[in-house]
């Protein structure tokens, strides 16, 4: 069964440009994963400091693989100082 991830991120205004560059790299690398079906980033139209990643994977194994990738973990560490509050991640 497919797995979806909805990750809400809250980025300080001063860091949005750098965050977006890092996110583009993450998106490109993630989309190359064999079992990644979709991987997109959206910015809230009413609050430019809120972003949502919506991702879909073929199954739990594909999701587990993604969570273990070096590029995802590097991204998470790189954006820690950019966040105004902790990200919210839902897996459905």
PDB file of N, CA and C in Angstrom:
ATOM      1  N   UNK A   1       0.844  -1.187   0.000  1.00  0.00           N
ATOM      2  CA  UNK A   1       0.000   0.000   0.000  1.00  0.00           C
ATOM      3  C   UNK A   1       0.885   1.244   0.000  1.00  0.00           C
ATOM      4  N   UNK A   2       0.520   2.215  -0.823  1.00  0.00           N
ATOM      5  CA  UNK A   2       1.273   3.462  -0.894  1.00  0.00           C
ATOM      6  C   UNK A   2       1.273   4.189   0.443  1.00  0.00           C
ATOM      7  N   UNK A   3       2.364   4.902   0.697  1.00  0.00           N
ATOM      8  CA  UNK A   3       2.498   5.710   1.904  1.00  0.00           C
ATOM      9  C   UNK A   3       2.688   7.162   1.494  1.00  0.00           C
ATOM     10  N   UNK A   4       1.972   8.054   2.160  1.00  0.00           N
ATOM     11  CA  UNK A   4       2.106   9.481   1.906  1.00  0.00           C
ATOM     12  C   UNK A   4       2.674  10.170   3.132  1.00  0.00           C
ATOM     13  N   UNK A   5       3.495  11.161   2.880  1.00  0.00           N
ATOM     14  CA  UNK A   5       4.059  11.994   3.939  1.00  0.00           C
ATOM     15  C   UNK A   5       3.605  13.422   3.673  1.00  0.00           C
ATOM     16  N   UNK A   6       3.101  14.055   4.720  1.00  0.00           N
ATOM     17  CA  UNK A   6       2.752  15.475   4.663  1.00  0.00           C
ATOM     18  C   UNK A   6       3.557  16.135   5.770  1.00  0.00           C
ATOM     19  N   UNK A   7       4.517  16.952   5.364  1.00  0.00           N
ATOM     20  CA  UNK A   7       5.421  17.574   6.332  1.00  0.00           C
ATOM     21  C   UNK A   7       5.262  19.092   6.265  1.00  0.00           C
ATOM     22  N   UNK A   8       4.837  19.672   7.366  1.00  0.00           N
ATOM     23  CA  UNK A   8       4.657  21.124   7.474  1.00  0.00           C
ATOM     24  C   UNK A   8       5.920  21.721   8.093  1.00  0.00           C
ATOM     25  N   UNK A   9       6.492  22.697   7.411  1.00  0.00           N
ATOM     26  CA  UNK A   9       7.694  23.357   7.915  1.00  0.00           C
ATOM     27  C   UNK A   9       7.417  24.848   8.070  1.00  0.00           C
ATOM     28  N   UNK A  10       8.017  25.425   9.087  1.00  0.00           N
ATOM     29  CA  UNK A  10       7.816  26.834   9.426  1.00  0.00           C
ATOM     30  C   UNK A  10       9.195  27.492   9.414  1.00  0.00           C
ATOM     31  N   UNK A  11       9.439  28.282   8.381  1.00  0.00           N
ATOM     32  CA  UNK A  11      10.769  28.822   8.107  1.00  0.00           C
ATOM     33  C   UNK A  11      10.788  30.323   8.353  1.00  0.00           C
ATOM     34  N   UNK A  12      11.820  30.762   9.058  1.00  0.00           N
ATOM     35  CA  UNK A  12      11.967  32.206   9.287  1.00  0.00           C
ATOM     36  C   UNK A  12      12.107  32.938   7.953  1.00  0.00           C
ATOM     37  N   UNK A  13      11.497  34.094   7.889  1.00  0.00           N
ATOM     38  CA  UNK A  13      11.484  34.875   6.651  1.00  0.00           C
ATOM     39  C   UNK A  13      12.899  35.113   6.111  1.00  0.00           C
ATOM     40  N   UNK A  14      13.831  35.393   6.998  1.00  0.00           N
ATOM     41  CA  UNK A  14      15.201  35.688   6.580  1.00  0.00           C
ATOM     42  C   UNK A  14      15.917  34.483   5.977  1.00  0.00           C
ATOM     43  N   UNK A  15      15.389  33.278   6.158  1.00  0.00           N
ATOM     44  CA  UNK A  15      16.049  32.064   5.684  1.00  0.00           C
ATOM     45  C   UNK A  15      15.323  31.400   4.512  1.00  0.00           C
ATOM     46  N   UNK A  16      14.239  31.987   4.047  1.00  0.00           N
ATOM     47  CA  UNK A  16      13.428  31.345   3.009  1.00  0.00           C
ATOM     48  C   UNK A  16      14.235  31.079   1.748  1.00  0.00           C
ATOM     49  N   UNK A  17      15.012  32.009   1.291  1.00  0.00           N
ATOM     50  CA  UNK A  17      15.762  31.840   0.039  1.00  0.00           C
ATOM     51  C   UNK A  17      16.746  30.664   0.138  1.00  0.00           C
ATOM     52  N   UNK A  18      17.475  30.580   1.220  1.00  0.00           N
ATOM     53  CA  UNK A  18      18.427  29.478   1.413  1.00  0.00           C
ATOM     54  C   UNK A  18      17.668  28.160   1.563  1.00  0.00           C
ATOM     55  N   UNK A  19      16.584  28.172   2.323  1.00  0.00           N
ATOM     56  CA  UNK A  19      15.757  26.974   2.495  1.00  0.00           C
ATOM     57  C   UNK A  19      15.286  26.454   1.139  1.00  0.00           C
ATOM     58  N   UNK A  20      14.798  27.338   0.284  1.00  0.00           N
ATOM     59  CA  UNK A  20      14.287  26.911  -1.017  1.00  0.00           C
ATOM     60  C   UNK A  20      15.377  26.264  -1.860  1.00  0.00           C
ATOM     61  N   UNK A  21      16.582  26.795  -1.822  1.00  0.00           N
ATOM     62  CA  UNK A  21      17.692  26.188  -2.578  1.00  0.00           C
ATOM     63  C   UNK A  21      17.994  24.790  -2.063  1.00  0.00           C
ATOM     64  N   UNK A  22      18.033  24.629  -0.751  1.00  0.00           N
ATOM     65  CA  UNK A  22      18.278  23.316  -0.167  1.00  0.00           C
ATOM     66  C   UNK A  22      17.132  22.359  -0.492  1.00  0.00           C
ATOM     67  N   UNK A  23      15.915  22.858  -0.466  1.00  0.00           N
ATOM     68  CA  UNK A  23      14.744  22.026  -0.753  1.00  0.00           C
ATOM     69  C   UNK A  23      14.761  21.527  -2.199  1.00  0.00           C
ATOM     70  N   UNK A  24      15.169  22.379  -3.123  1.00  0.00           N
ATOM     71  CA  UNK A  24      15.246  21.963  -4.527  1.00  0.00           C
ATOM     72  C   UNK A  24      16.198  20.783  -4.684  1.00  0.00           C
ATOM     73  N   UNK A  25      17.335  20.846  -4.017  1.00  0.00           N
ATOM     74  CA  UNK A  25      18.293  19.735  -4.070  1.00  0.00           C
ATOM     75  C   UNK A  25      17.681  18.462  -3.488  1.00  0.00           C
ATOM     76  N   UNK A  26      17.009  18.593  -2.350  1.00  0.00           N
ATOM     77  CA  UNK A  26      16.374  17.442  -1.717  1.00  0.00           C
ATOM     78  C   UNK A  26      15.316  16.837  -2.635  1.00  0.00           C
ATOM     79  N   UNK A  27      14.511  17.664  -3.225  1.00  0.00           N
ATOM     80  CA  UNK A  27      13.446  17.190  -4.112  1.00  0.00           C
ATOM     81  C   UNK A  27      14.040  16.415  -5.287  1.00  0.00           C
ATOM     82  N   UNK A  28      15.076  16.977  -5.910  1.00  0.00           N
ATOM     83  CA  UNK A  28      15.699  16.309  -7.051  1.00  0.00           C
ATOM     84  C   UNK A  28      16.251  14.942  -6.662  1.00  0.00           C
ATOM     85  N   UNK A  29      16.944  14.863  -5.541  1.00  0.00           N
ATOM     86  CA  UNK A  29      17.515  13.596  -5.102  1.00  0.00           C
ATOM     87  C   UNK A  29      16.423  12.596  -4.727  1.00  0.00           C
ATOM     88  N   UNK A  30      15.403  13.061  -4.053  1.00  0.00           N
ATOM     89  CA  UNK A  30      14.326  12.167  -3.620  1.00  0.00           C
ATOM     90  C   UNK A  30      13.552  11.608  -4.804  1.00  0.00           C
ATOM     91  N   UNK A  31      13.317  12.427  -5.800  1.00  0.00           N
ATOM     92  CA  UNK A  31      12.575  11.962  -6.981  1.00  0.00           C
ATOM     93  C   UNK A  31      13.338  10.887  -7.748  1.00  0.00           C
ATOM     94  N   UNK A  32      14.633  10.794  -7.542  1.00  0.00           N
ATOM     95  CA  UNK A  32      15.437   9.760  -8.195  1.00  0.00           C
ATOM     96  C   UNK A  32      15.322   8.399  -7.504  1.00  0.00           C
ATOM     97  N   UNK A  33      14.764   8.366  -6.311  1.00  0.00           N
ATOM     98  CA  UNK A  33      14.563   7.092  -5.627  1.00  0.00           C
ATOM     99  C   UNK A  33      13.579   6.251  -6.437  1.00  0.00           C
ATOM    100  N   UNK A  34      13.912   4.994  -6.606  1.00  0.00           N
ATOM    101  CA  UNK A  34      13.123   4.106  -7.463  1.00  0.00           C
ATOM    102  C   UNK A  34      11.651   4.051  -7.074  1.00  0.00           C
ATOM    103  N   UNK A  35      11.365   4.038  -5.774  1.00  0.00           N
ATOM    104  CA  UNK A  35       9.986   3.870  -5.317  1.00  0.00           C
ATOM    105  C   UNK A  35       9.348   5.146  -4.785  1.00  0.00           C
ATOM    106  N   UNK A  36       9.926   6.278  -5.121  1.00  0.00           N
ATOM    107  CA  UNK A  36       9.307   7.571  -4.810  1.00  0.00           C
ATOM    108  C   UNK A  36       8.354   7.906  -5.954  1.00  0.00           C
ATOM    109  N   UNK A  37       7.083   8.034  -5.647  1.00  0.00           N
ATOM    110  CA  UNK A  37       6.078   8.292  -6.680  1.00  0.00           C
ATOM    111  C   UNK A  37       5.882   9.781  -6.930  1.00  0.00           C
ATOM    112  N   UNK A  38       5.852  10.565  -5.861  1.00  0.00           N
ATOM    113  CA  UNK A  38       5.758  12.027  -5.986  1.00  0.00           C
ATOM    114  C   UNK A  38       6.502  12.665  -4.828  1.00  0.00           C
ATOM    115  N   UNK A  39       7.009  13.867  -5.093  1.00  0.00           N
ATOM    116  CA  UNK A  39       7.727  14.615  -4.049  1.00  0.00           C
ATOM    117  C   UNK A  39       7.638  16.088  -4.431  1.00  0.00           C
ATOM    118  N   UNK A  40       6.780  16.826  -3.742  1.00  0.00           N
ATOM    119  CA  UNK A  40       6.535  18.219  -4.098  1.00  0.00           C
ATOM    120  C   UNK A  40       6.573  19.107  -2.864  1.00  0.00           C
ATOM    121  N   UNK A  41       6.902  20.370  -3.104  1.00  0.00           N
ATOM    122  CA  UNK A  41       6.932  21.376  -2.046  1.00  0.00           C
ATOM    123  C   UNK A  41       5.983  22.499  -2.416  1.00  0.00           C
ATOM    124  N   UNK A  42       5.198  22.928  -1.432  1.00  0.00           N
ATOM    125  CA  UNK A  42       4.248  24.016  -1.626  1.00  0.00           C
ATOM    126  C   UNK A  42       4.477  25.074  -0.559  1.00  0.00           C
ATOM    127  N   UNK A  43       4.230  26.320  -0.934  1.00  0.00           N
ATOM    128  CA  UNK A  43       4.346  27.434   0.006  1.00  0.00           C
ATOM    129  C   UNK A  43       2.952  27.995   0.240  1.00  0.00           C
ATOM    130  N   UNK A  44       2.605  28.213   1.488  1.00  0.00           N
ATOM    131  CA  UNK A  44       1.298  28.743   1.854  1.00  0.00           C
ATOM    132  C   UNK A  44       1.115  30.116   1.210  1.00  0.00           C
ATOM    133  N   UNK A  45      -0.005  30.342   0.555  1.00  0.00           N
ATOM    134  CA  UNK A  45      -0.221  31.622  -0.128  1.00  0.00           C
ATOM    135  C   UNK A  45      -0.579  32.753   0.840  1.00  0.00           C
ATOM    136  N   UNK A  46      -1.001  32.408   2.038  1.00  0.00           N
ATOM    137  CA  UNK A  46      -1.348  33.426   3.027  1.00  0.00           C
ATOM    138  C   UNK A  46      -0.227  33.690   4.029  1.00  0.00           C
ATOM    139  N   UNK A  47       0.689  32.748   4.153  1.00  0.00           N
ATOM    140  CA  UNK A  47       1.812  32.895   5.078  1.00  0.00           C
ATOM    141  C   UNK A  47       3.060  32.331   4.402  1.00  0.00           C
ATOM    142  N   UNK A  48       3.881  33.204   3.861  1.00  0.00           N
ATOM    143  CA  UNK A  48       5.056  32.797   3.087  1.00  0.00           C
ATOM    144  C   UNK A  48       6.069  32.013   3.903  1.00  0.00           C
ATOM    145  N   UNK A  49       5.924  31.994   5.215  1.00  0.00           N
ATOM    146  CA  UNK A  49       6.871  31.282   6.077  1.00  0.00           C
ATOM    147  C   UNK A  49       6.459  29.831   6.337  1.00  0.00           C
ATOM    148  N   UNK A  50       5.345  29.407   5.760  1.00  0.00           N
ATOM    149  CA  UNK A  50       4.878  28.033   5.932  1.00  0.00           C
ATOM    150  C   UNK A  50       5.006  27.274   4.616  1.00  0.00           C
ATOM    151  N   UNK A  51       5.594  26.085   4.730  1.00  0.00           N
ATOM    152  CA  UNK A  51       5.809  25.218   3.575  1.00  0.00           C
ATOM    153  C   UNK A  51       5.258  23.835   3.889  1.00  0.00           C
ATOM    154  N   UNK A  52       4.867  23.123   2.824  1.00  0.00           N
ATOM    155  CA  UNK A  52       4.381  21.757   2.985  1.00  0.00           C
ATOM    156  C   UNK A  52       5.022  20.881   1.911  1.00  0.00           C
ATOM    157  N   UNK A  53       5.711  19.829   2.369  1.00  0.00           N
ATOM    158  CA  UNK A  53       6.161  18.783   1.467  1.00  0.00           C
ATOM    159  C   UNK A  53       5.052  17.741   1.419  1.00  0.00           C
ATOM    160  N   UNK A  54       4.689  17.314   0.210  1.00  0.00           N
ATOM    161  CA  UNK A  54       3.762  16.200   0.039  1.00  0.00           C
ATOM    162  C   UNK A  54       4.497  15.161  -0.795  1.00  0.00           C
ATOM    163  N   UNK A  55       4.636  13.988  -0.198  1.00  0.00           N
ATOM    164  CA  UNK A  55       5.443  12.924  -0.792  1.00  0.00           C
ATOM    165  C   UNK A  55       4.628  11.647  -0.842  1.00  0.00           C
ATOM    166  N   UNK A  56       4.899  10.811  -1.833  1.00  0.00           N
ATOM    167  CA  UNK A  56       4.232   9.511  -1.894  1.00  0.00           C
ATOM    168  C   UNK A  56       5.238   8.450  -2.306  1.00  0.00           C
ATOM    169  N   UNK A  57       5.166   7.322  -1.606  1.00  0.00           N
ATOM    170  CA  UNK A  57       6.083   6.204  -1.825  1.00  0.00           C
ATOM    171  C   UNK A  57       5.290   4.940  -2.097  1.00  0.00           C
ATOM    172  N   UNK A  58       5.917   4.032  -2.819  1.00  0.00           N
ATOM    173  CA  UNK A  58       5.241   2.796  -3.225  1.00  0.00           C
ATOM    174  C   UNK A  58       4.782   1.961  -2.031  1.00  0.00           C
ATOM    175  N   UNK A  59       5.585   1.923  -0.970  1.00  0.00           N
ATOM    176  CA  UNK A  59       5.232   1.111   0.192  1.00  0.00           C
ATOM    177  C   UNK A  59       6.059   1.543   1.403  1.00  0.00           C
ATOM    178  N   UNK A  60       5.889   0.860   2.506  1.00  0.00           N
ATOM    179  CA  UNK A  60       6.601   1.197   3.736  1.00  0.00           C
ATOM    180  C   UNK A  60       8.112   1.046   3.573  1.00  0.00           C
ATOM    181  N   UNK A  61       8.550   0.043   2.830  1.00  0.00           N
ATOM    182  CA  UNK A  61       9.989  -0.140   2.613  1.00  0.00           C
ATOM    183  C   UNK A  61      10.596   1.057   1.890  1.00  0.00           C
ATOM    184  N   UNK A  62       9.882   1.582   0.923  1.00  0.00           N
ATOM    185  CA  UNK A  62      10.371   2.757   0.189  1.00  0.00           C
ATOM    186  C   UNK A  62      10.449   3.969   1.106  1.00  0.00           C
ATOM    187  N   UNK A  63       9.463   4.114   1.965  1.00  0.00           N
ATOM    188  CA  UNK A  63       9.469   5.218   2.926  1.00  0.00           C
ATOM    189  C   UNK A  63      10.621   5.063   3.917  1.00  0.00           C
ATOM    190  N   UNK A  64      10.820   3.852   4.406  1.00  0.00           N
ATOM    191  CA  UNK A  64      11.934   3.588   5.324  1.00  0.00           C
ATOM    192  C   UNK A  64      13.267   3.922   4.655  1.00  0.00           C
ATOM    193  N   UNK A  65      13.409   3.540   3.401  1.00  0.00           N
ATOM    194  CA  UNK A  65      14.634   3.839   2.657  1.00  0.00           C
ATOM    195  C   UNK A  65      14.861   5.346   2.606  1.00  0.00           C
ATOM    196  N   UNK A  66      13.810   6.087   2.272  1.00  0.00           N
ATOM    197  CA  UNK A  66      13.934   7.541   2.158  1.00  0.00           C
ATOM    198  C   UNK A  66      14.362   8.161   3.483  1.00  0.00           C
ATOM    199  N   UNK A  67      13.758   7.732   4.559  1.00  0.00           N
ATOM    200  CA  UNK A  67      14.084   8.301   5.869  1.00  0.00           C
ATOM    201  C   UNK A  67      15.526   8.029   6.285  1.00  0.00           C
ATOM    202  N   UNK A  68      16.152   7.029   5.696  1.00  0.00           N
ATOM    203  CA  UNK A  68      17.536   6.692   6.039  1.00  0.00           C
ATOM    204  C   UNK A  68      18.571   7.343   5.110  1.00  0.00           C
ATOM    205  N   UNK A  69      18.130   8.025   4.071  1.00  0.00           N
ATOM    206  CA  UNK A  69      19.092   8.586   3.115  1.00  0.00           C
ATOM    207  C   UNK A  69      19.900   9.709   3.751  1.00  0.00           C
ATOM    208  N   UNK A  70      21.144   9.786   3.346  1.00  0.00           N
ATOM    209  CA  UNK A  70      22.044  10.817   3.862  1.00  0.00           C
ATOM    210  C   UNK A  70      21.544  12.205   3.479  1.00  0.00           C
ATOM    211  N   UNK A  71      21.022  12.357   2.252  1.00  0.00           N
ATOM    212  CA  UNK A  71      20.601  13.684   1.815  1.00  0.00           C
ATOM    213  C   UNK A  71      19.398  14.200   2.601  1.00  0.00           C
ATOM    214  N   UNK A  72      18.479  13.332   2.986  1.00  0.00           N
ATOM    215  CA  UNK A  72      17.357  13.792   3.813  1.00  0.00           C
ATOM    216  C   UNK A  72      17.853  14.210   5.192  1.00  0.00           C
ATOM    217  N   UNK A  73      18.690  13.388   5.792  1.00  0.00           N
ATOM    218  CA  UNK A  73      19.190  13.709   7.128  1.00  0.00           C
ATOM    219  C   UNK A  73      20.069  14.952   7.123  1.00  0.00           C
ATOM    220  N   UNK A  74      20.835  15.151   6.067  1.00  0.00           N
ATOM    221  CA  UNK A  74      21.628  16.378   5.929  1.00  0.00           C
ATOM    222  C   UNK A  74      20.700  17.585   5.825  1.00  0.00           C
ATOM    223  N   UNK A  75      19.669  17.471   5.001  1.00  0.00           N
ATOM    224  CA  UNK A  75      18.698  18.556   4.844  1.00  0.00           C
ATOM    225  C   UNK A  75      18.069  18.922   6.186  1.00  0.00           C
ATOM    226  N   UNK A  76      17.631  17.931   6.932  1.00  0.00           N
ATOM    227  CA  UNK A  76      16.994  18.184   8.223  1.00  0.00           C
ATOM    228  C   UNK A  76      17.951  18.908   9.167  1.00  0.00           C
ATOM    229  N   UNK A  77      19.193  18.490   9.181  1.00  0.00           N
ATOM    230  CA  UNK A  77      20.177  19.158  10.038  1.00  0.00           C
ATOM    231  C   UNK A  77      20.480  20.578   9.568  1.00  0.00           C
ATOM    232  N   UNK A  78      20.534  20.780   8.249  1.00  0.00           N
ATOM    233  CA  UNK A  78      20.854  22.104   7.707  1.00  0.00           C
ATOM    234  C   UNK A  78      19.759  23.126   7.977  1.00  0.00           C
ATOM    235  N   UNK A  79      18.515  22.695   8.047  1.00  0.00           N
ATOM    236  CA  UNK A  79      17.419  23.666   8.199  1.00  0.00           C
ATOM    237  C   UNK A  79      17.012  23.897   9.653  1.00  0.00           C
ATOM    238  N   UNK A  80      17.614  23.189  10.585  1.00  0.00           N
ATOM    239  CA  UNK A  80      17.217  23.335  11.996  1.00  0.00           C
ATOM    240  C   UNK A  80      17.218  24.786  12.457  1.00  0.00           C
ATOM    241  N   UNK A  81      18.241  25.529  12.097  1.00  0.00           N
ATOM    242  CA  UNK A  81      18.330  26.925  12.533  1.00  0.00           C
ATOM    243  C   UNK A  81      17.401  27.853  11.750  1.00  0.00           C
ATOM    244  N   UNK A  82      16.827  27.379  10.672  1.00  0.00           N
ATOM    245  CA  UNK A  82      15.920  28.188   9.855  1.00  0.00           C
ATOM    246  C   UNK A  82      14.485  28.140  10.361  1.00  0.00           C
ATOM    247  N   UNK A  83      14.170  27.157  11.195  1.00  0.00           N
ATOM    248  CA  UNK A  83      12.790  26.919  11.589  1.00  0.00           C
ATOM    249  C   UNK A  83      12.356  27.838  12.730  1.00  0.00           C
ATOM    250  N   UNK A  84      11.152  28.378  12.598  1.00  0.00           N
ATOM    251  CA  UNK A  84      10.586  29.181  13.661  1.00  0.00           C
ATOM    252  C   UNK A  84       9.875  28.312  14.698  1.00  0.00           C
ATOM    253  N   UNK A  85       9.494  27.104  14.277  1.00  0.00           N
ATOM    254  CA  UNK A  85       8.976  26.102  15.201  1.00  0.00           C
ATOM    255  C   UNK A  85       9.186  24.733  14.577  1.00  0.00           C
ATOM    256  N   UNK A  86       9.026  23.708  15.381  1.00  0.00           N
ATOM    257  CA  UNK A  86       9.298  22.345  14.928  1.00  0.00           C
ATOM    258  C   UNK A  86       8.347  21.917  13.817  1.00  0.00           C
ATOM    259  N   UNK A  87       8.890  21.164  12.861  1.00  0.00           N
ATOM    260  CA  UNK A  87       8.058  20.677  11.769  1.00  0.00           C
ATOM    261  C   UNK A  87       7.051  19.658  12.273  1.00  0.00           C
ATOM    262  N   UNK A  88       5.960  19.551  11.548  1.00  0.00           N
ATOM    263  CA  UNK A  88       4.901  18.590  11.846  1.00  0.00           C
ATOM    264  C   UNK A  88       4.861  17.605  10.693  1.00  0.00           C
ATOM    265  N   UNK A  89       5.018  16.326  10.994  1.00  0.00           N
ATOM    266  CA  UNK A  89       5.046  15.302   9.944  1.00  0.00           C
ATOM    267  C   UNK A  89       3.906  14.318  10.180  1.00  0.00           C
ATOM    268  N   UNK A  90       3.125  14.104   9.134  1.00  0.00           N
ATOM    269  CA  UNK A  90       2.052  13.111   9.163  1.00  0.00           C
ATOM    270  C   UNK A  90       2.355  12.051   8.124  1.00  0.00           C
ATOM    271  N   UNK A  91       2.148  10.812   8.481  1.00  0.00           N
ATOM    272  CA  UNK A  91       2.310   9.707   7.536  1.00  0.00           C
ATOM    273  C   UNK A  91       0.968   9.008   7.428  1.00  0.00           C
ATOM    274  N   UNK A  92       0.471   8.929   6.204  1.00  0.00           N
ATOM    275  CA  UNK A  92      -0.843   8.293   5.987  1.00  0.00           C
ATOM    276  C   UNK A  92      -0.753   7.248   4.899  1.00  0.00           C
TER     277      UNK A  92
END
